[in-house]
Amino acid sequence: MTAEKLAETLYFSGLSQKKIAEITEKSEATVSAWAQKNKWADKRASTLATQESAVQRIMSLIDYQLRYLEQQKDKAIQEGKLVPLDKGQIDALSKLLSGIKQKEMTFAQIVNNITELLGWLQTEDIALSKALVPFTNKFINLKKDNFDK
């Protein structure tokens, strides 16, 4: 992953240009130029809107599927016969549940967690926090290669 692509990924995760410059070991001016040239702000806004729309559509489908299954259950109870869910229904519920519960950590989440840790550590031990910054930046740069594969 190039420094510019890494910077863009970090920007989309919500980091400031200053923090991105620090992590990528580039100047703030360089990061700012990349952001303007590639219209990161517009892309981030568009991506967030698209993600929110997709999540809303998925939640709507989940709601529809659950309402259908509840309707089938209620009908079976009224008729006095409990009918087990068929394999397709079980599979659909399982997939919906795994989609909701899935917690795959993205590269941006790793960076955010490290940044949050360093921010907290600054309030506890600023000297230690400052001493760790070069190591966490190196770690982030090493980890980015794992996400390119």
C-alpha atoms as a PDB file:
ATOM      1  CA  MET A   1       0.000   0.000   0.000  1.00  0.00           C
ATOM      2  CA  THR A   2       1.411   3.373  -0.956  1.00  0.00           C
ATOM      3  CA  ALA A   3       1.671   6.167   1.589  1.00  0.00           C
ATOM      4  CA  GLU A   4      -1.031   8.064  -0.300  1.00  0.00           C
ATOM      5  CA  LYS A   5      -3.419   5.096  -0.253  1.00  0.00           C
ATOM      6  CA  LEU A   6      -2.707   4.530   3.438  1.00  0.00           C
ATOM      7  CA  ALA A   7      -3.391   8.202   4.103  1.00  0.00           C
ATOM      8  CA  GLU A   8      -6.706   7.972   2.279  1.00  0.00           C
ATOM      9  CA  THR A   9      -7.707   4.875   4.281  1.00  0.00           C
ATOM     10  CA  LEU A  10      -6.836   6.638   7.516  1.00  0.00           C
ATOM     11  CA  TYR A  11      -8.764   9.736   6.432  1.00  0.00           C
ATOM     12  CA  PHE A  12     -11.867   7.644   5.757  1.00  0.00           C
ATOM     13  CA  SER A  13     -11.509   6.164   9.242  1.00  0.00           C
ATOM     14  CA  GLY A  14     -11.834   9.673  10.670  1.00  0.00           C
ATOM     15  CA  LEU A  15      -8.258  10.562  11.577  1.00  0.00           C
ATOM     16  CA  SER A  16      -7.056  14.140  11.278  1.00  0.00           C
ATOM     17  CA  GLN A  17      -4.618  15.126   8.567  1.00  0.00           C
ATOM     18  CA  LYS A  18      -2.081  15.908  11.280  1.00  0.00           C
ATOM     19  CA  LYS A  19      -2.297  12.359  12.686  1.00  0.00           C
ATOM     20  CA  ILE A  20      -2.199  10.901   9.174  1.00  0.00           C
ATOM     21  CA  ALA A  21       0.970  12.872   8.421  1.00  0.00           C
ATOM     22  CA  GLU A  22       2.518  11.544  11.601  1.00  0.00           C
ATOM     23  CA  ILE A  23       1.646   7.913  10.826  1.00  0.00           C
ATOM     24  CA  THR A  24       2.686   8.064   7.168  1.00  0.00           C
ATOM     25  CA  GLU A  25       5.770  10.120   7.970  1.00  0.00           C
ATOM     26  CA  LYS A  26       4.747  12.721   5.382  1.00  0.00           C
ATOM     27  CA  SER A  27       4.217  16.433   5.894  1.00  0.00           C
ATOM     28  CA  GLU A  28       0.781  17.819   6.679  1.00  0.00           C
ATOM     29  CA  ALA A  29       1.038  19.820   3.456  1.00  0.00           C
ATOM     30  CA  THR A  30       1.513  16.605   1.473  1.00  0.00           C
ATOM     31  CA  VAL A  31      -1.464  14.942   3.129  1.00  0.00           C
ATOM     32  CA  SER A  32      -3.560  18.058   2.554  1.00  0.00           C
ATOM     33  CA  ALA A  33      -2.549  18.137  -1.107  1.00  0.00           C
ATOM     34  CA  TRP A  34      -3.526  14.470  -1.520  1.00  0.00           C
ATOM     35  CA  ALA A  35      -6.869  15.146   0.175  1.00  0.00           C
ATOM     36  CA  GLN A  36      -7.643  18.065  -2.133  1.00  0.00           C
ATOM     37  CA  LYS A  37      -6.369  16.390  -5.290  1.00  0.00           C
ATOM     38  CA  ASN A  38      -8.370  13.206  -4.695  1.00  0.00           C
ATOM     39  CA  LYS A  39     -11.435  14.923  -3.178  1.00  0.00           C
ATOM     40  CA  TRP A  40     -11.337  12.826  -0.030  1.00  0.00           C
ATOM     41  CA  ALA A  41     -13.970  14.917   1.768  1.00  0.00           C
ATOM     42  CA  ASP A  42     -16.493  14.386  -1.038  1.00  0.00           C
ATOM     43  CA  LYS A  43     -15.689  10.673  -1.258  1.00  0.00           C
ATOM     44  CA  ARG A  44     -16.002  10.214   2.505  1.00  0.00           C
ATOM     45  CA  ALA A  45     -19.385  11.930   2.571  1.00  0.00           C
ATOM     46  CA  SER A  46     -20.600   9.832  -0.345  1.00  0.00           C
ATOM     47  CA  THR A  47     -19.265   6.605   1.175  1.00  0.00           C
ATOM     48  CA  LEU A  48     -20.907   7.304   4.521  1.00  0.00           C
ATOM     49  CA  ALA A  49     -24.236   8.015   2.844  1.00  0.00           C
ATOM     50  CA  THR A  50     -23.995   4.821   0.781  1.00  0.00           C
ATOM     51  CA  GLN A  51     -23.066   2.724   3.821  1.00  0.00           C
ATOM     52  CA  GLU A  52     -25.957   4.125   5.838  1.00  0.00           C
ATOM     53  CA  SER A  53     -28.341   3.412   2.963  1.00  0.00           C
ATOM     54  CA  ALA A  54     -27.067  -0.166   2.592  1.00  0.00           C
ATOM     55  CA  VAL A  55     -27.375  -0.819   6.313  1.00  0.00           C
ATOM     56  CA  GLN A  56     -30.923   0.537   6.287  1.00  0.00           C
ATOM     57  CA  ARG A  57     -31.857  -1.735   3.352  1.00  0.00           C
ATOM     58  CA  ILE A  58     -30.332  -4.786   5.043  1.00  0.00           C
ATOM     59  CA  MET A  59     -32.135  -4.011   8.286  1.00  0.00           C
ATOM     60  CA  SER A  60     -35.365  -3.691   6.320  1.00  0.00           C
ATOM     61  CA  LEU A  61     -34.817  -7.132   4.767  1.00  0.00           C
ATOM     62  CA  ILE A  62     -34.060  -8.628   8.165  1.00  0.00           C
ATOM     63  CA  ASP A  63     -37.230  -7.083   9.552  1.00  0.00           C
ATOM     64  CA  TYR A  64     -39.241  -8.454   6.614  1.00  0.00           C
ATOM     65  CA  GLN A  65     -37.819 -11.956   7.069  1.00  0.00           C
ATOM     66  CA  LEU A  66     -38.518 -11.915  10.806  1.00  0.00           C
ATOM     67  CA  ARG A  67     -42.075 -10.672  10.312  1.00  0.00           C
ATOM     68  CA  TYR A  68     -42.682 -13.451   7.762  1.00  0.00           C
ATOM     69  CA  LEU A  69     -41.352 -16.119  10.112  1.00  0.00           C
ATOM     70  CA  GLU A  70     -43.401 -14.741  13.018  1.00  0.00           C
ATOM     71  CA  GLN A  71     -46.487 -14.817  10.793  1.00  0.00           C
ATOM     72  CA  GLN A  72     -45.799 -18.476   9.913  1.00  0.00           C
ATOM     73  CA  LYS A  73     -45.290 -19.277  13.607  1.00  0.00           C
ATOM     74  CA  ASP A  74     -48.542 -17.553  14.617  1.00  0.00           C
ATOM     75  CA  LYS A  75     -50.454 -19.395  11.886  1.00  0.00           C
ATOM     76  CA  ALA A  76     -49.067 -22.753  13.032  1.00  0.00           C
ATOM     77  CA  ILE A  77     -49.988 -22.013  16.659  1.00  0.00           C
ATOM     78  CA  GLN A  78     -53.550 -21.024  15.641  1.00  0.00           C
ATOM     79  CA  GLU A  79     -53.881 -24.291  13.714  1.00  0.00           C
ATOM     80  CA  GLY A  80     -52.599 -26.188  16.728  1.00  0.00           C
ATOM     81  CA  LYS A  81     -49.573 -27.605  15.018  1.00  0.00           C
ATOM     82  CA  LEU A  82     -46.026 -26.525  15.580  1.00  0.00           C
ATOM     83  CA  VAL A  83     -44.085 -26.794  12.365  1.00  0.00           C
ATOM     84  CA  PRO A  84     -40.302 -26.579  12.601  1.00  0.00           C
ATOM     85  CA  LEU A  85     -38.477 -24.109  10.416  1.00  0.00           C
ATOM     86  CA  ASP A  86     -37.226 -25.628   7.205  1.00  0.00           C
ATOM     87  CA  LYS A  87     -33.529 -25.779   6.359  1.00  0.00           C
ATOM     88  CA  GLY A  88     -33.741 -22.724   4.100  1.00  0.00           C
ATOM     89  CA  GLN A  89     -35.321 -20.625   6.831  1.00  0.00           C
ATOM     90  CA  ILE A  90     -32.745 -21.752   9.361  1.00  0.00           C
ATOM     91  CA  ASP A  91     -29.929 -20.964   6.928  1.00  0.00           C
ATOM     92  CA  ALA A  92     -31.366 -17.514   6.208  1.00  0.00           C
ATOM     93  CA  LEU A  93     -31.631 -16.718   9.917  1.00  0.00           C
ATOM     94  CA  SER A  94     -28.128 -18.014  10.520  1.00  0.00           C
ATOM     95  CA  LYS A  95     -26.710 -15.835   7.765  1.00  0.00           C
ATOM     96  CA  LEU A  96     -28.565 -12.783   8.992  1.00  0.00           C
ATOM     97  CA  LEU A  97     -27.340 -13.370  12.520  1.00  0.00           C
ATOM     98  CA  SER A  98     -23.731 -13.859  11.442  1.00  0.00           C
ATOM     99  CA  GLY A  99     -23.917 -10.666   9.389  1.00  0.00           C
ATOM    100  CA  ILE A 100     -25.092  -8.755  12.426  1.00  0.00           C
ATOM    101  CA  LYS A 101     -22.631 -10.329  14.850  1.00  0.00           C
ATOM    102  CA  GLN A 102     -19.619 -10.279  12.560  1.00  0.00           C
ATOM    103  CA  LYS A 103     -16.883  -8.203  14.136  1.00  0.00           C
ATOM    104  CA  GLU A 104     -14.088  -8.387  11.607  1.00  0.00           C
ATOM    105  CA  MET A 105     -11.600  -5.714  12.512  1.00  0.00           C
ATOM    106  CA  THR A 106     -10.667  -3.446   9.661  1.00  0.00           C
ATOM    107  CA  PHE A 107      -7.378  -1.680   9.287  1.00  0.00           C
ATOM    108  CA  ALA A 108      -9.061   1.614  10.099  1.00  0.00           C
ATOM    109  CA  GLN A 109     -10.439   0.145  13.329  1.00  0.00           C
ATOM    110  CA  ILE A 110      -6.976  -1.005  14.351  1.00  0.00           C
ATOM    111  CA  VAL A 111      -5.610   2.487  13.765  1.00  0.00           C
ATOM    112  CA  ASN A 112      -8.516   4.045  15.666  1.00  0.00           C
ATOM    113  CA  ASN A 113      -7.982   1.702  18.614  1.00  0.00           C
ATOM    114  CA  ILE A 114      -4.277   2.499  18.765  1.00  0.00           C
ATOM    115  CA  THR A 115      -4.985   6.220  18.520  1.00  0.00           C
ATOM    116  CA  GLU A 116      -7.584   5.983  21.268  1.00  0.00           C
ATOM    117  CA  LEU A 117      -5.168   4.050  23.477  1.00  0.00           C
ATOM    118  CA  LEU A 118      -2.436   6.649  22.987  1.00  0.00           C
ATOM    119  CA  GLY A 119      -4.899   9.435  23.747  1.00  0.00           C
ATOM    120  CA  TRP A 120      -5.910   7.766  26.989  1.00  0.00           C
ATOM    121  CA  LEU A 121      -2.293   7.018  27.846  1.00  0.00           C
ATOM    122  CA  GLN A 122      -1.461  10.722  27.462  1.00  0.00           C
ATOM    123  CA  THR A 123      -3.763  11.447  30.389  1.00  0.00           C
ATOM    124  CA  GLU A 124      -2.092   8.757  32.492  1.00  0.00           C
ATOM    125  CA  ASP A 125       1.585   9.010  31.521  1.00  0.00           C
ATOM    126  CA  ILE A 126       2.460  11.534  28.816  1.00  0.00           C
ATOM    127  CA  ALA A 127       6.127  10.531  28.684  1.00  0.00           C
ATOM    128  CA  LEU A 128       5.238   6.901  28.053  1.00  0.00           C
ATOM    129  CA  SER A 129       2.659   7.923  25.460  1.00  0.00           C
ATOM    130  CA  LYS A 130       5.221  10.017  23.570  1.00  0.00           C
ATOM    131  CA  ALA A 131       7.766   7.202  23.789  1.00  0.00           C
ATOM    132  CA  LEU A 132       5.285   4.734  22.264  1.00  0.00           C
ATOM    133  CA  VAL A 133       4.261   6.880  19.281  1.00  0.00           C
ATOM    134  CA  PRO A 134       7.190   5.873  17.016  1.00  0.00           C
ATOM    135  CA  PHE A 135       6.586   2.198  17.833  1.00  0.00           C
ATOM    136  CA  THR A 136       2.849   2.367  17.203  1.00  0.00           C
ATOM    137  CA  ASN A 137       3.432   4.180  13.916  1.00  0.00           C
ATOM    138  CA  LYS A 138       5.885   1.478  12.876  1.00  0.00           C
ATOM    139  CA  PHE A 139       3.392  -1.195  13.926  1.00  0.00           C
ATOM    140  CA  ILE A 140       0.634   0.450  11.878  1.00  0.00           C
ATOM    141  CA  ASN A 141       2.875   0.596   8.829  1.00  0.00           C
ATOM    142  CA  LEU A 142       3.743  -3.090   9.229  1.00  0.00           C
ATOM    143  CA  LYS A 143       0.091  -4.079   9.680  1.00  0.00           C
ATOM    144  CA  LYS A 144      -1.057  -2.215   6.581  1.00  0.00           C
ATOM    145  CA  ASP A 145       0.767  -4.796   4.454  1.00  0.00           C
ATOM    146  CA  ASN A 146      -1.426  -7.583   5.913  1.00  0.00           C
ATOM    147  CA  PHE A 147      -4.550  -5.800   4.675  1.00  0.00           C
ATOM    148  CA  ASP A 148      -3.197  -5.511   1.126  1.00  0.00           C
ATOM    149  CA  LYS A 149      -3.132  -9.279   0.706  1.00  0.00           C
END
